[in-house]
Protein backbone atom coordinates (compact mmCIF):
# COMPACT_ATOMS: atom_id res chain seq x y z
CA MET A 1 -13.95 -6.44 -27.10
CA ARG A 2 -14.29 -9.18 -24.77
CA VAL A 3 -15.81 -8.87 -21.28
CA LEU A 4 -15.87 -11.32 -18.30
CA VAL A 5 -18.40 -11.13 -15.58
CA THR A 6 -17.78 -13.35 -12.55
CA GLU A 7 -20.84 -12.48 -10.54
CA VAL A 8 -24.58 -11.72 -11.06
CA LEU A 9 -25.09 -8.36 -12.82
CA GLY A 10 -28.36 -6.58 -13.39
CA GLU A 11 -30.24 -7.24 -16.52
CA SER A 12 -29.91 -3.61 -17.64
CA GLY A 13 -26.15 -3.70 -17.38
CA MET A 14 -25.83 -7.26 -19.18
CA ALA A 15 -28.14 -5.91 -21.95
CA PHE A 16 -25.82 -2.87 -22.50
CA LEU A 17 -22.65 -5.02 -22.65
CA GLN A 18 -24.18 -7.35 -25.08
CA GLU A 19 -24.97 -4.51 -27.30
CA HIS A 20 -21.60 -3.21 -27.31
CA THR A 21 -19.33 -6.02 -26.42
CA SER A 22 -18.76 -9.85 -26.44
CA VAL A 23 -19.56 -10.83 -22.87
CA ASP A 24 -19.28 -14.06 -20.96
CA VAL A 25 -20.78 -14.82 -17.45
CA ARG A 26 -18.50 -17.42 -15.44
CA THR A 27 -19.68 -17.47 -11.86
CA LYS A 28 -18.07 -19.47 -8.99
CA LEU A 29 -14.76 -19.97 -10.54
CA SER A 30 -11.87 -20.50 -8.31
CA HIS A 31 -8.70 -18.18 -8.48
CA GLU A 32 -6.78 -20.70 -10.53
CA GLU A 33 -9.69 -21.08 -13.00
CA LEU A 34 -10.10 -17.27 -13.18
CA CYS A 35 -6.14 -16.74 -13.82
CA ALA A 36 -6.49 -19.51 -16.63
CA ILE A 37 -9.33 -17.81 -18.63
CA LEU A 38 -8.61 -14.01 -17.88
CA PRO A 39 -5.85 -13.44 -20.63
CA ASP A 40 -8.47 -13.75 -23.14
CA TYR A 41 -10.45 -10.77 -22.04
CA ASP A 42 -10.35 -7.03 -22.21
CA ALA A 43 -12.46 -6.28 -19.10
CA LEU A 44 -13.53 -7.84 -15.93
CA ILE A 45 -16.55 -7.05 -13.90
CA VAL A 46 -16.87 -8.26 -10.58
CA ARG A 47 -19.17 -7.59 -7.19
CA SER A 48 -17.72 -8.27 -3.76
CA ALA A 49 -17.04 -12.16 -3.99
CA THR A 50 -14.17 -12.04 -6.70
CA LYS A 51 -10.67 -11.23 -5.06
CA VAL A 52 -8.87 -9.31 -7.60
CA ASN A 53 -5.50 -9.55 -6.26
CA ALA A 54 -2.15 -8.78 -8.08
CA SER A 55 -1.36 -12.28 -9.37
CA LEU A 56 -5.13 -12.25 -11.06
CA LEU A 57 -4.35 -9.06 -12.51
CA GLU A 58 -1.01 -10.09 -13.82
CA SER A 59 -2.61 -13.04 -15.62
CA GLY A 60 -4.74 -10.74 -17.60
CA LYS A 61 -2.36 -9.90 -20.41
CA ARG A 62 -4.97 -7.86 -22.44
CA LEU A 63 -6.78 -6.70 -19.63
CA ARG A 64 -7.42 -2.95 -19.75
CA VAL A 65 -10.17 -2.27 -17.16
CA VAL A 66 -11.76 -3.77 -13.82
CA ALA A 67 -15.20 -2.74 -12.83
CA ARG A 68 -16.66 -3.36 -9.53
CA ALA A 69 -20.45 -3.35 -9.57
CA GLY A 70 -20.78 -1.37 -6.20
CA THR A 71 -19.28 1.58 -4.42
CA GLY A 72 -16.15 0.28 -2.68
CA VAL A 73 -13.08 -1.42 -4.29
CA ASP A 74 -11.91 -3.36 -1.05
CA ASN A 75 -11.52 -6.54 -3.07
CA ILE A 76 -9.49 -5.09 -5.72
CA ASP A 77 -5.63 -4.65 -5.46
CA VAL A 78 -6.00 -1.05 -7.05
CA ASP A 79 -2.07 -0.30 -6.38
CA ALA A 80 -1.36 -3.46 -8.57
CA ALA A 81 -3.91 -2.19 -11.29
CA THR A 82 -2.37 0.98 -11.43
CA ARG A 83 1.27 -0.23 -11.94
CA LEU A 84 -0.09 -2.79 -14.68
CA GLY A 85 -1.87 0.15 -16.40
CA ILE A 86 -5.35 -1.32 -15.75
CA LEU A 87 -8.20 1.12 -15.10
CA VAL A 88 -10.26 0.71 -12.09
CA VAL A 89 -13.84 1.81 -12.15
CA ASN A 90 -16.97 1.40 -9.86
CA ALA A 91 -20.55 2.67 -9.53
CA PRO A 92 -20.39 5.14 -6.58
CA ALA A 93 -23.76 6.77 -7.46
CA GLY A 94 -25.91 3.59 -8.50
CA ASN A 95 -26.96 2.56 -4.89
CA SER A 96 -26.59 6.06 -3.12
CA ASN A 97 -30.32 6.79 -2.92
CA ALA A 98 -30.69 3.30 -1.54
CA VAL A 99 -28.22 3.60 1.24
CA ALA A 100 -29.49 6.83 2.23
CA GLU A 101 -33.00 5.54 2.63
CA HIS A 102 -31.76 2.64 4.58
CA THR A 103 -29.76 5.12 6.70
CA ILE A 104 -33.10 6.96 7.47
CA ALA A 105 -34.92 3.84 8.04
CA LEU A 106 -32.45 2.69 10.76
CA ILE A 107 -32.66 5.88 12.31
CA LEU A 108 -36.46 5.45 12.51
CA ALA A 109 -36.08 2.06 13.74
CA LEU A 110 -34.00 3.14 16.65
CA ALA A 111 -36.17 5.83 17.52
CA ARG A 112 -39.36 4.19 17.55
CA GLN A 113 -37.73 0.69 18.69
CA LEU A 114 -39.31 -1.01 15.93
CA VAL A 115 -37.33 -4.15 15.83
CA PRO A 116 -37.79 -5.25 19.82
CA ALA A 117 -41.54 -4.20 19.17
CA ALA A 118 -41.91 -6.39 16.23
CA ASP A 119 -40.01 -9.17 18.12
CA SER A 120 -42.11 -8.75 21.10
CA LEU A 121 -45.45 -8.90 19.37
CA LYS A 122 -44.61 -12.02 17.40
CA ALA A 123 -43.41 -13.84 20.78
CA GLY A 124 -47.14 -12.97 22.05
CA ARG A 125 -46.25 -10.08 24.16
CA TRP A 126 -48.16 -6.56 24.26
CA GLU A 127 -45.54 -4.20 25.59
CA LYS A 128 -46.87 -0.97 24.42
CA ASN A 129 -45.82 0.77 27.44
CA ARG A 130 -42.25 -0.47 27.61
CA LEU A 131 -41.56 0.31 24.11
CA GLN A 132 -42.39 3.95 23.88
CA GLY A 133 -40.15 5.81 21.42
CA ILE A 134 -38.97 9.21 20.53
CA GLU A 135 -39.76 11.40 17.62
CA VAL A 136 -36.92 12.76 15.23
CA ARG A 137 -38.43 16.00 14.73
CA ASN A 138 -36.20 18.71 16.23
CA LYS A 139 -33.43 16.04 17.13
CA THR A 140 -29.83 16.62 16.08
CA LEU A 141 -28.53 14.23 13.25
CA GLY A 142 -24.50 14.55 13.03
CA LEU A 143 -22.99 13.07 9.86
CA VAL A 144 -19.32 12.07 9.86
CA GLY A 145 -18.76 12.41 6.22
CA LEU A 146 -20.57 14.82 3.93
CA GLY A 147 -20.18 13.04 0.48
CA ARG A 148 -22.66 11.98 -1.92
CA ILE A 149 -24.52 9.73 0.44
CA GLY A 150 -24.11 11.92 3.57
CA ARG A 151 -25.60 14.77 1.67
CA MET A 152 -28.63 12.61 0.66
CA VAL A 153 -29.17 11.56 4.12
CA ALA A 154 -28.80 15.27 5.15
CA ALA A 155 -31.74 16.13 2.81
CA LYS A 156 -33.76 13.37 3.69
CA ALA A 157 -33.41 14.27 7.52
CA LYS A 158 -34.30 17.95 6.82
CA GLY A 159 -37.49 16.55 5.34
CA LEU A 160 -38.07 15.12 8.71
CA GLU A 161 -37.45 18.41 10.39
CA MET A 162 -34.10 17.30 12.07
CA ARG A 163 -31.32 19.65 12.72
CA VAL A 164 -28.33 18.40 10.50
CA VAL A 165 -24.57 19.11 11.77
CA ALA A 166 -21.54 17.26 10.05
CA PHE A 167 -17.74 16.75 10.18
CA ASP A 168 -15.75 16.67 6.82
CA PRO A 169 -12.39 18.06 6.46
CA PHE A 170 -12.70 18.28 2.60
CA VAL A 171 -16.04 20.57 2.89
CA SER A 172 -16.00 24.07 3.34
CA PRO A 173 -18.50 25.66 5.74
CA GLY A 174 -20.09 27.62 3.08
CA GLY A 175 -20.43 24.34 1.02
CA ALA A 176 -22.20 22.68 3.94
CA ALA A 177 -24.41 25.78 4.67
CA SER A 178 -25.50 25.74 0.98
CA ILE A 179 -27.38 22.49 1.68
CA GLY A 180 -28.73 23.76 5.24
CA VAL A 181 -25.79 21.73 7.18
CA GLU A 182 -23.95 23.20 10.12
CA LEU A 183 -20.00 22.36 9.88
CA LEU A 184 -18.38 21.15 13.17
CA THR A 185 -15.41 19.36 14.44
CA MET A 186 -15.34 15.77 14.92
CA ASP A 187 -15.58 15.96 18.58
CA GLU A 188 -18.45 18.78 18.41
CA VAL A 189 -20.46 16.44 16.23
CA LEU A 190 -20.17 13.59 18.68
CA GLN A 191 -20.86 15.46 21.65
CA THR A 192 -23.82 17.32 20.19
CA ALA A 193 -25.64 14.90 17.99
CA ASP A 194 -28.79 12.68 19.06
CA PHE A 195 -28.13 10.34 16.18
CA ILE A 196 -24.86 9.93 14.63
CA SER A 197 -24.42 8.40 11.10
CA VAL A 198 -21.07 7.54 9.71
CA HIS A 199 -20.48 8.00 5.72
CA THR A 200 -16.74 8.03 5.02
CA PRO A 201 -14.74 5.60 2.66
CA LEU A 202 -12.72 2.74 4.45
CA THR A 203 -9.03 3.69 4.31
CA PRO A 204 -6.08 3.08 6.67
CA ALA A 205 -7.03 6.73 8.12
CA THR A 206 -10.57 6.00 8.97
CA ARG A 207 -10.41 2.33 9.92
CA GLY A 208 -11.71 2.49 13.60
CA LEU A 209 -12.58 6.18 13.29
CA ILE A 210 -15.09 5.48 16.01
CA GLY A 211 -13.26 3.86 18.75
CA GLU A 212 -13.25 3.90 22.54
CA ARG A 213 -12.25 7.51 22.89
CA GLU A 214 -15.15 8.73 20.51
CA LEU A 215 -17.81 6.46 21.91
CA ALA A 216 -17.06 8.14 25.34
CA MET A 217 -18.00 11.49 24.10
CA ILE A 218 -21.36 10.38 22.75
CA LYS A 219 -24.47 11.29 24.84
CA PRO A 220 -25.95 8.25 26.65
CA GLU A 221 -29.11 8.81 25.10
CA ALA A 222 -27.75 9.15 21.62
CA TYR A 223 -27.73 6.61 18.94
CA LEU A 224 -25.06 5.55 16.54
CA ILE A 225 -25.62 4.30 12.85
CA ASN A 226 -23.38 2.92 10.25
CA ALA A 227 -24.38 1.87 6.82
CA ALA A 228 -21.37 2.83 5.00
CA ARG A 229 -18.31 0.55 5.34
CA GLY A 230 -17.45 -2.14 8.12
CA GLY A 231 -14.53 -1.18 10.31
CA LEU A 232 -15.10 2.25 10.36
CA ILE A 233 -16.52 1.62 14.12
CA ASP A 234 -14.56 -0.47 16.57
CA GLU A 235 -17.14 -3.27 17.08
CA LYS A 236 -15.61 -4.53 20.43
CA ALA A 237 -15.71 -1.02 22.02
CA LEU A 238 -19.16 -0.52 20.60
CA ARG A 239 -20.46 -3.85 22.49
CA GLU A 240 -18.77 -2.66 25.63
CA ALA A 241 -20.52 0.79 25.33
CA LEU A 242 -23.81 -1.04 24.81
CA ASP A 243 -23.13 -3.42 27.71
CA ALA A 244 -22.53 -0.57 29.90
CA GLY A 245 -25.51 1.65 28.99
CA ARG A 246 -23.18 4.44 27.67
CA LEU A 247 -25.26 4.44 24.52
CA ALA A 248 -28.79 4.31 23.76
CA GLY A 249 -28.47 2.09 20.91
CA ALA A 250 -26.81 1.41 17.40
CA ALA A 251 -27.57 0.19 14.06
CA LEU A 252 -25.37 -1.62 11.79
CA ASP A 253 -25.89 -2.52 8.13
CA VAL A 254 -22.10 -3.21 7.67
CA PHE A 255 -19.54 -5.13 9.78
CA GLU A 256 -15.82 -5.63 10.02
CA VAL A 257 -16.07 -9.34 9.10
CA GLU A 258 -18.99 -10.39 6.77
CA PRO A 259 -20.85 -12.76 7.43
CA VAL A 260 -20.61 -11.27 10.86
CA GLN A 261 -18.88 -13.33 13.58
CA ASP A 262 -19.61 -11.39 16.72
CA GLN A 263 -22.98 -13.12 18.08
CA ALA A 264 -22.78 -11.50 21.26
CA LEU A 265 -22.81 -7.97 19.52
CA LEU A 266 -25.72 -9.30 17.25
CA ALA A 267 -27.72 -10.31 20.17
CA HIS A 268 -27.56 -7.22 21.87
CA GLU A 269 -31.14 -5.86 22.66
CA ASN A 270 -30.15 -2.33 21.78
CA LEU A 271 -28.55 -3.08 18.33
CA VAL A 272 -30.64 -2.95 15.13
CA ALA A 273 -28.48 -5.09 12.62
CA THR A 274 -29.23 -5.82 8.90
CA PRO A 275 -26.93 -7.69 6.62
CA HIS A 276 -25.60 -5.24 4.44
CA LEU A 277 -28.74 -4.29 2.73
CA GLY A 278 -28.10 -0.57 2.21
CA GLY A 279 -27.71 -0.82 -1.59
CA SER A 280 -29.83 -4.00 -1.98
CA THR A 281 -33.03 -2.61 -3.78
CA ALA A 282 -33.97 -3.72 -7.29
CA GLU A 283 -33.70 -0.20 -8.58
CA ALA A 284 -30.24 0.10 -7.15
CA GLN A 285 -28.64 -3.03 -8.54
CA GLU A 286 -30.28 -2.08 -12.14
CA ASN A 287 -28.47 1.38 -11.63
CA ILE A 288 -25.27 -0.06 -10.59
CA ALA A 289 -25.19 -2.94 -13.25
CA LEU A 290 -25.93 -0.04 -16.09
CA GLU A 291 -23.25 2.35 -14.49
CA VAL A 292 -20.28 0.12 -14.57
CA ALA A 293 -21.33 -1.57 -17.85
CA ARG A 294 -21.20 2.05 -19.70
CA ALA A 295 -17.94 2.83 -17.80
CA VAL A 296 -16.32 -0.22 -19.33
CA VAL A 297 -17.65 0.41 -22.79
CA ASP A 298 -16.72 3.90 -22.64
CA TYR A 299 -13.09 2.98 -21.82
CA LEU A 300 -12.79 0.11 -24.12
CA GLU A 301 -14.15 2.26 -27.00
CA GLY A 302 -11.62 5.35 -26.03
CA ARG A 303 -13.68 7.62 -24.03
CA PHE A 304 -13.06 8.63 -20.40
CA PRO A 305 -15.52 7.05 -17.86
CA PRO A 306 -16.95 9.31 -15.14
CA ASN A 307 -15.97 7.20 -12.10
CA PRO A 308 -12.19 6.21 -12.48
CA VAL A 309 -10.81 5.03 -9.28
CA ASN A 310 -7.07 4.96 -10.05
CA VAL A 311 -6.65 8.32 -11.73
CA PRO A 312 -7.84 11.71 -10.73
CA TYR A 313 -11.68 11.89 -10.14
CA VAL A 314 -13.76 13.38 -13.07
CA ALA A 315 -17.33 14.35 -12.24
CA PRO A 316 -19.87 12.70 -14.51
CA GLN A 317 -21.00 15.94 -15.86
CA GLU A 318 -17.40 16.95 -16.79
CA ALA A 319 -16.14 13.74 -18.39
CA GLU A 320 -17.90 14.72 -21.81
CA ALA A 321 -15.96 18.12 -21.85
CA MET A 322 -12.75 16.75 -20.70
CA GLN A 323 -12.59 13.93 -23.20
CA PRO A 324 -11.32 16.18 -26.20
CA TYR A 325 -8.82 17.58 -23.83
CA ILE A 326 -7.57 14.29 -22.76
CA ASP A 327 -7.09 13.41 -26.18
CA LEU A 328 -5.49 16.46 -27.16
CA ALA A 329 -2.87 16.15 -24.05
CA ASP A 330 -2.09 12.61 -25.05
CA ARG A 331 -1.64 13.71 -28.86
CA LEU A 332 0.82 16.48 -27.42
CA GLY A 333 2.88 13.98 -25.36
CA SER A 334 3.40 11.65 -28.36
CA PHE A 335 4.33 14.61 -30.89
CA PHE A 336 6.65 16.01 -28.40
CA ILE A 337 8.65 12.95 -27.81
CA GLN A 338 8.79 11.98 -31.29
CA TRP A 339 9.99 15.45 -32.32
CA ARG A 340 12.65 15.91 -29.24
CA THR A 341 13.48 12.02 -29.39
CA ARG A 342 14.46 12.27 -25.72
CA ILE A 343 13.60 14.42 -22.57
CA SER A 344 16.24 16.15 -20.77
CA GLY A 345 15.40 17.87 -17.49
CA PRO A 346 12.03 18.68 -15.57
CA LEU A 347 8.98 19.18 -17.31
CA GLU A 348 6.40 21.73 -16.76
CA LEU A 349 2.76 21.54 -17.95
CA VAL A 350 0.90 24.97 -18.07
CA PHE A 351 -3.03 24.93 -18.46
CA GLU A 352 -4.73 28.15 -19.41
CA GLY A 353 -8.43 29.01 -20.04
CA GLU A 354 -11.24 27.17 -19.67
CA VAL A 355 -9.57 23.83 -18.99
CA CYS A 356 -8.50 25.13 -15.59
CA GLU A 357 -12.08 24.67 -14.47
CA TYR A 358 -11.37 21.06 -14.23
CA ASP A 359 -8.91 18.85 -12.42
CA THR A 360 -6.15 19.13 -14.66
CA ARG A 361 -4.20 16.17 -13.12
CA VAL A 362 -5.75 13.81 -15.58
CA LEU A 363 -4.51 15.81 -18.55
CA THR A 364 -1.04 15.69 -17.09
CA ALA A 365 -1.45 12.10 -16.89
CA ALA A 366 -2.66 12.02 -20.54
CA PHE A 367 0.29 14.09 -21.57
CA LEU A 368 2.53 11.71 -19.88
CA ALA A 369 0.91 8.52 -21.48
CA GLY A 370 1.52 9.93 -24.95
CA LEU A 371 5.06 11.06 -23.91
CA LEU A 372 6.09 7.53 -22.46
CA ARG A 373 4.02 5.12 -24.44
CA ASP A 374 6.70 3.87 -26.59
CA ALA A 375 9.58 4.31 -24.05
CA THR A 376 9.08 0.97 -22.29
CA ALA A 377 8.01 -2.52 -22.89
CA GLU A 378 5.39 -2.37 -20.50
CA PRO A 379 2.04 -0.79 -21.52
CA VAL A 380 1.72 2.77 -20.43
CA ASN A 381 -1.58 4.61 -20.22
CA ILE A 382 -3.37 7.36 -18.52
CA VAL A 383 -3.87 5.13 -15.67
CA ASN A 384 -0.33 4.20 -14.92
CA ALA A 385 1.63 6.96 -16.64
CA ARG A 386 2.56 8.94 -13.57
CA HIS A 387 3.90 5.74 -11.94
CA VAL A 388 5.99 5.06 -14.97
CA ALA A 389 7.29 8.72 -14.88
CA SER A 390 8.12 8.40 -11.23
CA GLN A 391 9.84 5.14 -11.75
CA ALA A 392 11.83 6.78 -14.51
CA GLY A 393 12.82 9.60 -12.27
CA LEU A 394 11.00 12.19 -14.62
CA GLU A 395 10.31 15.57 -12.62
CA VAL A 396 6.81 16.86 -13.71
CA SER A 397 5.15 20.06 -11.96
CA GLU A 398 1.73 21.52 -13.35
CA MET A 399 0.48 25.02 -13.17
CA ALA A 400 -3.07 26.46 -13.97
CA LEU A 401 -3.55 30.15 -15.02
CA GLN A 402 -6.68 31.89 -15.37
CA ARG A 403 -6.16 34.67 -17.77
CA PRO A 404 -8.99 37.39 -18.51
CA ASP A 405 -7.67 37.44 -22.31
CA ARG A 406 -7.94 33.79 -22.71
CA THR A 407 -10.90 31.98 -22.51
CA GLU A 408 -10.26 29.16 -24.82
CA GLY A 409 -8.40 26.02 -23.15
CA GLN A 410 -4.53 25.68 -23.91
CA ILE A 411 -2.24 23.00 -22.86
CA THR A 412 1.69 23.72 -22.96
CA ALA A 413 4.46 21.54 -21.97
CA ARG A 414 7.94 22.59 -21.74
CA MET A 415 11.35 21.30 -20.76
CA VAL A 416 12.52 23.89 -18.33
CA ASN A 417 16.27 23.25 -18.69
CA GLY A 418 18.17 24.65 -21.56
CA PRO A 419 18.97 28.03 -23.33
CA GLU A 420 16.52 27.57 -26.16
CA PRO A 421 12.80 26.81 -26.14
CA ARG A 422 11.59 23.37 -26.00
CA ASP A 423 7.84 23.25 -25.61
CA ILE A 424 4.70 22.42 -27.23
CA SER A 425 1.29 23.87 -27.06
CA GLY A 426 -2.33 22.69 -28.17
CA VAL A 427 -5.72 23.98 -28.33
CA LEU A 428 -9.07 22.74 -29.59
CA VAL A 429 -10.62 24.25 -32.70
CA ASN A 430 -14.22 23.07 -33.30
CA GLY A 431 -13.46 20.37 -31.03
CA LYS A 432 -10.46 18.99 -32.97
CA PRO A 433 -6.91 18.92 -31.60
CA HIS A 434 -4.77 21.40 -33.13
CA LEU A 435 -1.03 22.14 -32.56
CA ALA A 436 -0.47 25.60 -31.66
CA GLY A 437 3.17 25.97 -30.93
CA LEU A 438 6.33 24.13 -30.98
CA ASP A 439 9.96 25.37 -29.61
CA GLY A 440 8.49 29.21 -29.43
CA GLN A 441 7.09 29.22 -32.88
CA ARG A 442 3.48 29.78 -33.53
CA LEU A 443 1.78 27.34 -35.56
CA ASP A 444 -1.85 25.96 -36.42
CA CYS A 445 -2.37 22.47 -37.87
CA VAL A 446 -4.54 19.37 -36.73
CA ALA A 447 -2.49 17.02 -34.69
CA GLN A 448 -3.16 13.89 -36.59
CA GLY A 449 -1.85 11.62 -39.03
CA HIS A 450 1.48 11.37 -40.80
CA MET A 451 3.82 14.35 -40.45
CA ILE A 452 7.27 15.44 -41.33
CA VAL A 453 8.68 18.31 -39.08
CA ASP A 454 11.77 20.23 -39.86
CA VAL A 455 13.72 23.13 -38.60
CA HIS A 456 15.46 25.33 -41.22
CA HIS A 457 16.97 28.57 -41.95
CA ASP A 458 14.21 31.17 -43.59
CA VAL A 459 15.71 31.40 -47.07
CA PRO A 460 13.60 31.14 -50.37
CA GLY A 461 13.34 27.75 -51.93
CA ILE A 462 13.03 25.50 -48.95
CA VAL A 463 9.19 24.42 -49.70
CA GLY A 464 10.25 23.82 -53.29
CA ASN A 465 13.29 21.68 -52.78
CA LEU A 466 11.55 19.64 -49.82
CA GLY A 467 8.36 19.21 -52.07
CA GLN A 468 10.39 18.20 -55.07
CA LEU A 469 12.36 15.59 -52.88
CA LEU A 470 9.29 14.18 -51.34
CA GLY A 471 7.69 13.80 -54.80
CA SER A 472 10.65 11.89 -56.33
CA ASN A 473 10.15 9.55 -53.22
CA GLY A 474 6.38 9.04 -53.97
CA VAL A 475 5.23 10.96 -50.89
CA ASN A 476 2.08 13.19 -51.31
CA ILE A 477 1.75 16.30 -49.20
CA SER A 478 -1.60 16.96 -47.68
CA PHE A 479 -0.96 20.35 -46.02
CA ALA A 480 1.95 22.59 -44.96
CA GLN A 481 2.19 24.95 -42.04
CA MET A 482 5.13 27.07 -41.49
CA GLY A 483 5.94 29.41 -38.40
CA ARG A 484 8.92 31.65 -37.75
CA ALA A 485 10.33 33.91 -34.91
CA ARG A 486 11.68 36.61 -37.40
CA ARG A 487 12.20 37.09 -40.93
CA GLY A 488 15.27 35.36 -42.11
CA GLY A 489 15.64 33.45 -38.92
CA GLU A 490 15.04 30.04 -37.71
CA ALA A 491 11.70 28.61 -38.96
CA ILE A 492 9.69 25.46 -38.37
CA MET A 493 7.62 23.54 -41.05
CA ILE A 494 5.13 20.82 -40.78
CA LEU A 495 4.22 18.86 -43.72
CA GLY A 496 1.14 16.56 -43.62
CA ILE A 497 1.65 13.56 -45.77
CA ASP A 498 -0.82 10.61 -46.74
CA ASP A 499 1.08 7.75 -45.76
CA THR A 500 4.22 6.76 -43.62
CA PRO A 501 7.27 7.86 -45.78
CA PRO A 502 10.12 5.77 -46.85
CA ALA A 503 12.61 4.66 -43.92
CA ASP A 504 15.45 6.71 -45.45
CA ILE A 505 13.62 9.97 -46.23
CA ILE A 506 15.02 11.88 -43.20
CA PRO A 507 18.74 11.51 -44.12
CA GLN A 508 17.73 12.49 -47.68
CA ILE A 509 15.90 15.74 -46.27
CA LEU A 510 18.93 16.47 -44.13
CA GLU A 511 21.23 16.67 -47.11
CA LEU A 512 19.18 19.57 -48.50
CA PRO A 513 20.76 22.99 -47.90
CA HIS A 514 19.65 25.30 -44.87
CA ILE A 515 17.86 22.31 -43.07
CA ARG A 516 19.28 21.75 -39.63
CA ARG A 517 16.76 19.11 -38.04
CA ALA A 518 14.05 16.76 -39.40
CA GLN A 519 11.70 14.07 -37.88
CA VAL A 520 8.83 12.04 -38.84
CA VAL A 521 5.87 12.26 -36.34
CA GLU A 522 3.13 9.73 -36.40
CA LEU A 523 -0.31 10.33 -34.59
CA ALA A 524 -3.45 8.44 -34.52
CA SER A 525 -5.67 9.53 -37.44
CA LEU A 526 -9.07 11.49 -36.71
CA PRO A 527 -12.11 9.97 -38.49
CA GLY A 528 -12.70 11.53 -41.81
CA TYR A 529 -9.09 13.16 -42.26
CA ASP A 530 -7.93 10.16 -44.25
CA GLU A 531 -10.14 11.05 -47.11
CA LEU A 532 -9.45 14.69 -47.36
């Protein structure tokens, strides 16, 4: 596994990469130079300077993952990466505390006029009376966004005895109340707060979130802070509000264009400005480096990382529990398409038991990856499986069923059109993926390795005839599993075999009496099963 790092990465992250991969550091390369060498690498790690656009991604013929050593991914074409099946990961938690602390520092700097006081004193003036500040105790802090960093800022502000209110359309009042925050509308936050701090991602919907209209709602004695993303605040409107005295002051750590171009804004006496220092602590940089290094190695070694950007989010504490279900879903998809040979009609995935506690969209993506992996010349994986399915016109629906009589997790996929059952089910048994049902028949076998699957009439002699045929072809059976709906009716048999069978084995099987269908199914082997 080869990893390319194009910008300076913390020592802890580099040490982890060197322990698990072959890593090269190549800084200050041009776009053309990067395109020339990227085909040799499985992973790319960048910070903010490297622009990972579509043409660069397309040059990475074996590229599987791009990691941004930071929180945002503004410099990565995520849509192109998704289309190409390249996972994008970042490090959203590594600098969270640093940014939260910096936000509090900016609030205190505004409240106590620390920057003009320091500048005045260094210029030889003693302006103690003019530079009187205010205390933050009993003041109201309004948070626009109550995600990871917003919650940290809230906790630290409450330690300063501030009242904290917030606007976040994705947080329930109960969830906010559990951390001592009052949830309000956006307008109420702007009209109520003495300090307003923005903590949302930068998206088309949030660009210019605080503009002329919003600034007009803020109290003239209030302060505005942005240590999140440049572009959330309309800087021209902010400068006009400061010039007109409609705002007591502002503090910016991030800007629409960096390095910042608006010198008139920077020079304003009521603005505290820092050069994007929120996450710039020694501890944060080491945390970020180690976080992205672990995510890259996890994905390259077949584990699901905790902070994917272009697949449904899985919380870090859930990633380990989800990993075996992701593997199970992928195996079910691969088994199903090999058995059915084609998909006709819409697909429905049903999740039951403990798996419903998680975001099952990632399991649907894993099933589709197994289903479609061999259906196209382009690589298909958990990242782009939904995109490939959509492009192919495949309709997919999902359902989560919480049943009191089922605690263990089960994944079922079925084609919803047709007179007869066309489905597959799987569960985990001691952490191993097991096939639990196929086309309406109950089964139980480990979903791995080489298998021959058949549908036959339930009459005596089937197992003996098939065993004799396989023996004459040098095929050794490792296990046999059978299911039937009723005695003397249609039955399914799955035979585990040691190796890939001869190419002409299926025509020979179909010549045996009472066998209706037969297919070879090949799944990835599980460690230790080849020796059993």
